[in-house]
Amino acid sequence: MYTISLFQNIWTPENPETISIDKYVKWVQEGINVPQITQARSYPRKSPSYNRVKDNRICVTHNFLFKERKNDRNIIASTGLLYYDIDPDMNFNISDVDKSKIFISHKSFGGDGNVIIVKADGITIDNFNTSYSAIAVDLGISRYMDPQAIKKTQFTVISYDPQIYFNPDSIVFSATLPTFGPIAFKNPPSVREIKKEEHLLLNGGFFNSYAYRITNASDYVENGREYQVFPEGIQTAKIHIPRNVPIGKRSKTLYAIAQNTAALNNISYENLLYKMRDANNICNVEPLPDNEVIGIVNSIMSYKKNKTLKPINNTTRKVIFKNGSGLSREEKVSIVNKEVGKMKVMKTKQKIHDAIVQWYKPQKITVAKISLEIGMGLRTVERYWGAFKDFADEHNARLKGNAEHV
């Protein structure tokens, strides 16, 4: 038998009583002072008249039982239930949710939102937020629920809905092993539990394990090529997950991660939310509140839906390999070293060439003078001087000829 804490109204968080969930279901189905509820629903939601009625009605807490006064310090235990408040402005359809997972569902007090209650074992103060969010992902309601209601102490004003859905045989979620799509996962680990080498580089890490693209660099490789070289560098987008992000930059950093993740991949809302919760734990010693993570994902997915989402070009690449090139890591390193070496040679030669072309001093051009002019070692200039000797001699001849005519 599930029990919940009962209070006189939202202004009286003291001296709670305990009632059975069966009684709660009966009250919602039959109604308590129905004319008053009907009157409240005729008012604009959150208007003074609406709030005046709602705020003075009896209410309950579905998530935890309390003693003496409703606050985190006075939590006795989990009720074995979790309450979700579905925002009436989100175009939600309860028929889209798997009913076998819902214990109770009914209209909210205002009549235009929804309440969803599920069974959940093992809920504690410490794992509440993580478990709450993971179960919401499983239900497919993350984008619809009110993030302001994600609280251990959340009040619920008793509503009225003759068509209340009540399923005593609904499944029981687990706080330690919630399900997620086709897989099962434990609570996302804290930053201290994550091995640095597993997440510092995304290759072989969290994103790669789910076959998501972490960069769009290969898009710039022309068809038929194993790799392509960009001597001046080209800007590409990459999912970059930093560590120990300062508190003031947490939101901006997570937004950038979400933006590139969604822009580079065909990803669902639920998967993006799960990954951003993981990234939130990886990046931040003090993670953002879950409602902020949900807000970031909502924003990103709205741009994706409107087809206005673009990746952030945050990485300069000079050697890019095509996807599925078949080259080993050692082969790629060898190619990169070779191509970078070529680019350095080209850069050095360009400096020597430009120095000769721009030489306007009434002095003979020599290796030593060019070396000093471009700030490069004498031996380095000597190594490539053979390619410029005739060019320098021609320049020196013109200087000599000009001097003889003066």
Protein backbone atom coordinates (compact mmCIF):
# COMPACT_ATOMS: atom_id res chain seq x y z
CA MET A 1 0.00 0.00 0.00
CA TYR A 2 1.44 3.36 -1.06
CA THR A 3 1.00 6.36 1.25
CA ILE A 4 1.61 10.06 0.70
CA SER A 5 1.79 13.17 2.88
CA LEU A 6 -1.29 15.44 3.06
CA PHE A 7 -1.28 19.17 3.86
CA GLN A 8 -4.04 21.76 4.44
CA ASN A 9 -2.80 23.97 1.60
CA ILE A 10 0.44 25.15 0.02
CA TRP A 11 0.81 27.85 2.68
CA THR A 12 0.77 25.31 5.49
CA PRO A 13 3.78 22.99 5.12
CA GLU A 14 3.57 21.89 8.78
CA ASN A 15 2.02 18.88 10.52
CA PRO A 16 1.35 16.63 7.53
CA GLU A 17 -1.06 13.73 7.73
CA THR A 18 -0.63 10.45 5.85
CA ILE A 19 -3.22 9.10 3.42
CA SER A 20 -3.30 6.07 1.15
CA ILE A 21 -2.89 6.45 -2.56
CA ASP A 22 -6.29 4.75 -2.94
CA LYS A 23 -7.91 7.61 -1.06
CA TYR A 24 -6.08 10.11 -3.26
CA VAL A 25 -7.41 8.38 -6.40
CA LYS A 26 -10.95 8.42 -4.98
CA TRP A 27 -10.75 12.13 -4.13
CA VAL A 28 -9.57 13.01 -7.63
CA GLN A 29 -12.19 10.82 -9.28
CA GLU A 30 -15.14 11.99 -7.17
CA GLY A 31 -13.89 15.51 -6.54
CA ILE A 32 -13.76 17.66 -3.40
CA ASN A 33 -15.88 20.80 -3.69
CA VAL A 34 -16.24 20.38 -7.46
CA PRO A 35 -18.03 23.74 -8.04
CA GLN A 36 -14.98 25.49 -6.62
CA ILE A 37 -12.67 23.64 -9.02
CA THR A 38 -14.99 24.37 -11.94
CA GLN A 39 -14.96 28.04 -11.02
CA ALA A 40 -11.16 28.10 -10.81
CA ARG A 41 -10.88 26.50 -14.25
CA SER A 42 -13.00 29.29 -15.72
CA TYR A 43 -10.30 31.80 -14.75
CA PRO A 44 -7.11 32.39 -16.77
CA ARG A 45 -4.43 30.05 -15.50
CA LYS A 46 -2.15 31.66 -12.89
CA SER A 47 -4.41 34.72 -12.65
CA PRO A 48 -5.02 36.11 -9.12
CA SER A 49 -8.53 34.63 -9.07
CA TYR A 50 -7.27 31.21 -10.17
CA ASN A 51 -4.41 31.22 -7.66
CA ARG A 52 -6.72 32.31 -4.84
CA VAL A 53 -8.79 29.17 -5.22
CA LYS A 54 -5.93 26.78 -5.92
CA ASP A 55 -3.62 27.96 -3.16
CA ASN A 56 -6.19 27.32 -0.43
CA ARG A 57 -7.07 23.73 -1.32
CA ILE A 58 -5.67 20.59 0.27
CA CYS A 59 -2.53 19.24 -1.35
CA VAL A 60 -0.15 16.31 -1.17
CA THR A 61 3.48 15.38 -1.81
CA HIS A 62 3.86 12.29 -3.97
CA ASN A 63 7.65 11.92 -3.97
CA PHE A 64 8.54 11.76 -0.25
CA LEU A 65 6.94 11.44 3.18
CA PHE A 66 7.68 14.19 5.70
CA LYS A 67 7.59 14.68 9.45
CA GLU A 68 6.65 17.93 11.22
CA ARG A 69 7.40 20.25 8.30
CA LYS A 70 7.91 19.83 4.56
CA ASN A 71 11.58 20.37 3.74
CA ASP A 72 14.54 18.23 2.72
CA ARG A 73 15.77 17.85 6.29
CA ASN A 74 12.47 16.32 7.41
CA ILE A 75 12.20 13.65 4.74
CA ILE A 76 11.27 10.32 6.28
CA ALA A 77 11.43 8.11 3.21
CA SER A 78 10.45 7.79 -0.43
CA THR A 79 6.78 7.08 -1.06
CA GLY A 80 7.80 4.62 -3.77
CA LEU A 81 6.22 6.99 -6.27
CA LEU A 82 7.37 9.82 -8.54
CA TYR A 83 5.17 12.71 -9.65
CA TYR A 84 5.45 14.44 -13.05
CA ASP A 85 3.73 17.70 -13.92
CA ILE A 86 3.07 18.04 -17.65
CA ASP A 87 3.00 21.62 -18.88
CA PRO A 88 -0.35 22.45 -20.55
CA ASP A 89 1.39 24.55 -23.21
CA MET A 90 3.44 21.68 -24.66
CA ASN A 91 0.82 19.96 -26.89
CA PHE A 92 1.15 16.72 -24.92
CA ASN A 93 -0.94 13.62 -25.68
CA ILE A 94 -1.13 11.07 -22.86
CA SER A 95 -2.00 8.34 -25.38
CA ASP A 96 1.59 8.57 -26.67
CA VAL A 97 2.91 7.19 -23.36
CA ASP A 98 3.10 3.45 -22.67
CA LYS A 99 0.22 2.94 -20.23
CA SER A 100 1.85 -0.13 -18.71
CA LYS A 101 4.43 2.21 -17.17
CA ILE A 102 1.90 4.65 -15.68
CA PHE A 103 0.45 4.08 -12.23
CA ILE A 104 -1.87 7.10 -12.19
CA SER A 105 -2.68 9.79 -14.73
CA HIS A 106 -5.25 12.56 -14.54
CA LYS A 107 -5.94 16.17 -15.42
CA SER A 108 -4.12 18.81 -13.43
CA PHE A 109 -6.00 21.17 -11.14
CA GLY A 110 -6.33 23.72 -13.93
CA GLY A 111 -7.81 21.08 -16.22
CA ASP A 112 -5.48 21.70 -19.17
CA GLY A 113 -2.31 20.01 -17.94
CA ASN A 114 -1.57 16.43 -16.95
CA VAL A 115 -0.33 14.62 -13.86
CA ILE A 116 1.62 11.39 -14.27
CA ILE A 117 2.59 9.21 -11.31
CA VAL A 118 4.81 6.14 -11.59
CA LYS A 119 6.09 3.51 -9.19
CA ALA A 120 9.82 3.69 -8.43
CA ASP A 121 11.88 1.59 -6.04
CA GLY A 122 15.08 2.67 -4.34
CA ILE A 123 14.56 6.43 -4.58
CA THR A 124 16.72 8.38 -2.11
CA ILE A 125 17.60 12.01 -1.50
CA ASP A 126 20.88 11.47 -3.33
CA ASN A 127 19.62 9.73 -6.46
CA PHE A 128 16.27 11.54 -6.78
CA ASN A 129 17.24 14.01 -9.52
CA THR A 130 19.10 11.50 -11.65
CA SER A 131 16.46 8.80 -11.33
CA TYR A 132 13.61 11.26 -11.88
CA SER A 133 15.18 12.48 -15.13
CA ALA A 134 16.12 9.03 -16.39
CA ILE A 135 12.59 7.71 -15.89
CA ALA A 136 11.18 10.77 -17.68
CA VAL A 137 13.40 9.91 -20.65
CA ASP A 138 12.12 6.34 -20.60
CA LEU A 139 8.53 7.59 -20.58
CA GLY A 140 9.26 10.02 -23.40
CA ILE A 141 7.95 13.02 -21.45
CA SER A 142 11.14 15.01 -20.81
CA ARG A 143 10.28 17.74 -23.29
CA TYR A 144 6.77 18.15 -21.89
CA MET A 145 7.26 18.16 -18.13
CA ASP A 146 7.56 21.27 -16.02
CA PRO A 147 11.23 21.52 -14.89
CA GLN A 148 10.16 23.70 -11.94
CA ALA A 149 8.33 20.67 -10.51
CA ILE A 150 11.47 18.54 -10.23
CA LYS A 151 11.64 18.84 -6.46
CA LYS A 152 11.63 16.37 -3.58
CA THR A 153 9.17 18.67 -1.80
CA GLN A 154 6.86 19.32 -4.76
CA PHE A 155 3.27 20.08 -3.73
CA THR A 156 0.33 18.78 -5.77
CA VAL A 157 -3.05 20.42 -5.27
CA ILE A 158 -5.72 17.72 -5.42
CA SER A 159 -7.48 17.92 -8.74
CA TYR A 160 -10.75 16.62 -10.17
CA ASP A 161 -10.94 14.17 -13.06
CA PRO A 162 -13.74 11.56 -13.27
CA GLN A 163 -11.73 9.85 -16.04
CA ILE A 164 -8.61 9.37 -13.93
CA TYR A 165 -6.40 6.51 -15.12
CA PHE A 166 -5.39 4.09 -12.36
CA ASN A 167 -3.27 1.02 -13.08
CA PRO A 168 -2.31 -0.94 -9.92
CA ASP A 169 -0.37 -3.39 -12.11
CA SER A 170 1.93 -0.80 -13.69
CA ILE A 171 5.64 -1.64 -13.87
CA VAL A 172 7.99 -0.55 -11.09
CA PHE A 173 10.97 1.53 -12.16
CA SER A 174 14.30 1.09 -10.42
CA ALA A 175 16.39 3.98 -9.16
CA THR A 176 19.57 2.01 -9.70
CA LEU A 177 18.89 0.63 -13.15
CA PRO A 178 16.40 2.74 -15.14
CA THR A 179 15.85 1.72 -18.74
CA PHE A 180 16.74 3.85 -21.73
CA GLY A 181 15.55 2.87 -25.18
CA PRO A 182 17.03 -0.48 -26.19
CA ILE A 183 19.63 -0.49 -23.41
CA ALA A 184 19.80 -0.25 -19.66
CA PHE A 185 22.06 2.16 -17.85
CA LYS A 186 22.99 2.95 -14.30
CA ASN A 187 22.80 6.46 -12.86
CA PRO A 188 25.20 8.67 -14.83
CA PRO A 189 28.49 8.70 -12.89
CA SER A 190 29.91 11.75 -11.20
CA VAL A 191 32.99 13.41 -12.64
CA ARG A 192 35.11 11.69 -10.01
CA GLU A 193 33.92 8.26 -11.14
CA ILE A 194 34.81 8.77 -14.79
CA LYS A 195 38.26 7.68 -15.93
CA LYS A 196 39.95 10.62 -17.57
CA GLU A 197 41.14 8.68 -20.59
CA GLU A 198 37.61 7.44 -21.34
CA HIS A 199 36.13 10.88 -21.86
CA LEU A 200 38.93 13.39 -22.38
CA LEU A 201 39.10 12.26 -26.00
CA LEU A 202 35.79 11.38 -27.58
CA ASN A 203 37.39 8.74 -29.83
CA GLY A 204 36.69 5.46 -28.07
CA GLY A 205 34.74 7.35 -25.44
CA PHE A 206 31.08 7.99 -24.70
CA PHE A 207 29.96 9.52 -28.00
CA ASN A 208 31.90 7.10 -30.19
CA SER A 209 30.38 4.14 -28.34
CA TYR A 210 26.99 5.14 -29.72
CA ALA A 211 28.28 5.67 -33.28
CA TYR A 212 27.70 9.41 -33.23
CA ARG A 213 29.76 11.76 -35.34
CA ILE A 214 32.06 13.94 -33.26
CA THR A 215 33.21 16.09 -36.17
CA ASN A 216 32.19 17.05 -39.71
CA ALA A 217 35.79 17.28 -40.91
CA SER A 218 35.44 14.35 -43.34
CA ASP A 219 32.73 16.28 -45.19
CA TYR A 220 35.52 18.42 -46.67
CA VAL A 221 37.41 15.48 -48.24
CA GLU A 222 36.71 15.29 -51.97
CA ASN A 223 35.27 12.07 -53.38
CA GLY A 224 37.89 9.53 -54.35
CA ARG A 225 40.51 10.79 -51.91
CA GLU A 226 41.76 8.99 -48.81
CA TYR A 227 42.68 12.30 -47.25
CA GLN A 228 42.96 15.96 -48.13
CA VAL A 229 45.46 18.63 -47.15
CA PHE A 230 44.58 22.25 -46.38
CA PRO A 231 47.88 24.14 -46.02
CA GLU A 232 46.18 27.26 -44.66
CA GLY A 233 43.86 25.24 -42.43
CA ILE A 234 40.10 24.91 -42.62
CA GLN A 235 37.51 25.50 -39.91
CA THR A 236 35.49 22.43 -38.93
CA ALA A 237 32.99 21.60 -36.20
CA LYS A 238 33.82 19.21 -33.37
CA ILE A 239 32.10 18.07 -30.19
CA HIS A 240 34.55 19.21 -27.53
CA ILE A 241 34.02 18.26 -23.89
CA PRO A 242 36.29 20.27 -21.58
CA ARG A 243 36.94 19.57 -17.89
CA ASN A 244 36.46 21.67 -14.76
CA VAL A 245 34.43 24.38 -16.49
CA PRO A 246 34.14 27.56 -14.35
CA ILE A 247 30.68 28.03 -12.83
CA GLY A 248 29.98 31.13 -14.92
CA LYS A 249 30.64 29.27 -18.19
CA ARG A 250 28.79 26.01 -17.53
CA SER A 251 25.61 26.88 -19.43
CA LYS A 252 27.43 28.31 -22.46
CA THR A 253 29.74 25.29 -22.62
CA LEU A 254 26.92 22.74 -22.40
CA TYR A 255 24.92 24.66 -25.02
CA ALA A 256 27.88 24.45 -27.43
CA ILE A 257 28.20 20.70 -26.84
CA ALA A 258 24.47 20.20 -27.41
CA GLN A 259 24.52 22.38 -30.53
CA ASN A 260 27.27 20.42 -32.25
CA THR A 261 25.92 17.07 -31.09
CA ALA A 262 22.50 17.80 -32.58
CA ALA A 263 23.84 19.54 -35.69
CA LEU A 264 26.23 16.72 -36.58
CA ASN A 265 23.88 13.83 -35.86
CA ASN A 266 20.36 12.62 -36.48
CA ILE A 267 19.59 12.39 -32.78
CA SER A 268 16.30 12.18 -30.91
CA TYR A 269 15.27 14.51 -28.12
CA GLU A 270 15.59 11.73 -25.53
CA ASN A 271 19.07 10.68 -26.66
CA LEU A 272 20.32 14.26 -26.74
CA LEU A 273 18.98 14.87 -23.23
CA TYR A 274 20.67 11.72 -21.93
CA LYS A 275 23.99 12.70 -23.49
CA MET A 276 23.83 16.25 -22.20
CA ARG A 277 23.21 14.95 -18.69
CA ASP A 278 26.30 12.83 -19.07
CA ALA A 279 28.29 15.76 -20.48
CA ASN A 280 27.03 17.93 -17.60
CA ASN A 281 28.61 15.50 -15.14
CA ILE A 282 31.82 15.21 -17.15
CA CYS A 283 32.42 18.95 -17.66
CA ASN A 284 31.41 20.35 -14.33
CA VAL A 285 32.61 19.54 -10.84
CA GLU A 286 29.37 21.25 -9.80
CA PRO A 287 26.85 20.21 -12.51
CA LEU A 288 24.05 22.48 -13.68
CA PRO A 289 20.56 21.85 -12.24
CA ASP A 290 18.64 19.38 -14.39
CA ASN A 291 15.99 21.93 -15.33
CA GLU A 292 18.71 24.04 -17.00
CA VAL A 293 19.96 21.02 -18.95
CA ILE A 294 16.40 20.33 -20.11
CA GLY A 295 16.04 23.99 -21.13
CA ILE A 296 19.21 23.82 -23.23
CA VAL A 297 18.04 20.66 -24.98
CA ASN A 298 14.58 22.15 -25.60
CA SER A 299 16.18 25.20 -27.21
CA ILE A 300 18.55 23.19 -29.41
CA MET A 301 15.85 20.81 -30.59
CA SER A 302 13.51 23.68 -31.47
CA TYR A 303 16.20 25.04 -33.83
CA LYS A 304 16.72 21.55 -35.25
CA LYS A 305 12.99 21.15 -35.82
CA ASN A 306 12.89 24.51 -37.64
CA LYS A 307 15.95 23.48 -39.70
CA THR A 308 17.90 26.52 -38.54
CA LEU A 309 20.44 24.65 -36.42
CA LYS A 310 24.05 25.00 -37.61
CA PRO A 311 27.24 23.53 -36.14
CA ILE A 312 29.85 25.70 -34.45
CA ASN A 313 33.14 25.70 -36.37
CA ASN A 314 35.59 25.49 -33.49
CA THR A 315 38.55 23.49 -34.80
CA THR A 316 41.18 24.22 -37.47
CA ARG A 317 42.29 21.17 -39.47
CA LYS A 318 45.07 20.88 -42.04
CA VAL A 319 45.05 17.14 -42.79
CA ILE A 320 41.65 15.42 -42.90
CA PHE A 321 40.98 11.74 -43.58
CA LYS A 322 37.79 10.43 -45.10
CA ASN A 323 35.46 8.29 -43.00
CA GLY A 324 36.25 4.60 -43.30
CA SER A 325 39.63 5.20 -44.89
CA GLY A 326 40.86 1.86 -43.56
CA LEU A 327 44.16 3.40 -42.49
CA SER A 328 45.59 2.44 -39.12
CA ARG A 329 46.41 5.03 -36.49
CA GLU A 330 50.13 4.58 -37.21
CA GLU A 331 49.55 5.10 -40.93
CA LYS A 332 47.57 8.25 -40.28
CA VAL A 333 50.26 9.61 -37.97
CA SER A 334 52.88 8.90 -40.62
CA ILE A 335 50.85 10.71 -43.28
CA VAL A 336 50.18 13.69 -41.04
CA ASN A 337 53.87 13.99 -40.15
CA LYS A 338 54.82 13.81 -43.82
CA GLU A 339 52.24 16.39 -44.90
CA VAL A 340 52.99 18.74 -42.00
CA GLY A 341 56.65 18.48 -42.95
CA LYS A 342 55.82 19.44 -46.52
CA MET A 343 53.79 22.40 -45.30
CA LYS A 344 56.67 23.59 -43.13
CA VAL A 345 59.02 23.38 -46.11
CA MET A 346 56.54 25.31 -48.27
CA LYS A 347 56.17 27.94 -45.56
CA THR A 348 59.93 28.29 -45.20
CA LYS A 349 60.44 28.58 -48.95
CA GLN A 350 57.64 31.14 -49.18
CA LYS A 351 59.36 33.27 -46.53
CA ILE A 352 62.68 33.13 -48.38
CA HIS A 353 60.98 33.96 -51.69
CA ASP A 354 59.08 36.90 -50.24
CA ALA A 355 62.20 38.27 -48.55
CA ILE A 356 64.07 38.29 -51.86
CA VAL A 357 61.17 39.88 -53.77
CA GLN A 358 60.80 42.59 -51.14
CA TRP A 359 64.53 43.29 -50.85
CA TYR A 360 65.01 47.00 -51.53
CA LYS A 361 68.20 47.61 -49.60
CA PRO A 362 71.21 48.79 -51.62
CA GLN A 363 73.12 45.71 -50.48
CA LYS A 364 73.90 42.37 -52.04
CA ILE A 365 71.51 39.59 -51.09
CA THR A 366 73.24 36.78 -49.22
CA VAL A 367 72.12 33.73 -47.27
CA ALA A 368 73.21 35.37 -44.02
CA LYS A 369 71.28 38.58 -44.71
CA ILE A 370 68.08 36.73 -45.69
CA SER A 371 68.43 34.56 -42.59
CA LEU A 372 68.64 37.66 -40.43
CA GLU A 373 65.81 39.39 -42.30
CA ILE A 374 63.26 36.59 -41.79
CA GLY A 375 64.48 35.51 -38.36
CA MET A 376 65.32 31.98 -39.46
CA GLY A 377 68.39 29.89 -38.75
CA LEU A 378 71.28 30.16 -41.18
CA ARG A 379 71.44 26.41 -41.74
CA THR A 380 67.73 26.28 -42.52
CA VAL A 381 68.05 28.97 -45.20
CA GLU A 382 71.16 27.28 -46.61
CA ARG A 383 69.20 24.01 -46.91
CA TYR A 384 66.79 25.58 -49.41
CA TRP A 385 69.02 28.24 -50.93
CA GLY A 386 69.70 26.20 -54.05
CA ALA A 387 66.11 26.81 -55.21
CA PHE A 388 66.59 30.58 -54.89
CA LYS A 389 70.24 31.12 -55.87
CA ASP A 390 69.53 32.10 -59.48
CA PHE A 391 66.65 34.32 -58.33
CA ALA A 392 68.93 36.05 -55.81
CA ASP A 393 71.74 36.41 -58.38
CA GLU A 394 69.35 38.12 -60.81
CA HIS A 395 68.29 40.50 -58.08
CA ASN A 396 71.91 41.24 -57.16
CA ALA A 397 72.75 41.85 -60.83
CA ARG A 398 69.97 44.41 -61.08
CA LEU A 399 71.24 46.10 -57.93
CA LYS A 400 74.77 46.19 -59.40
CA GLY A 401 73.51 47.55 -62.70
CA ASN A 402 71.55 50.28 -60.98
CA ALA A 403 74.62 51.21 -58.95
CA GLU A 404 76.82 51.52 -62.08
CA HIS A 405 74.33 53.95 -63.67
CA VAL A 406 74.22 56.22 -60.70
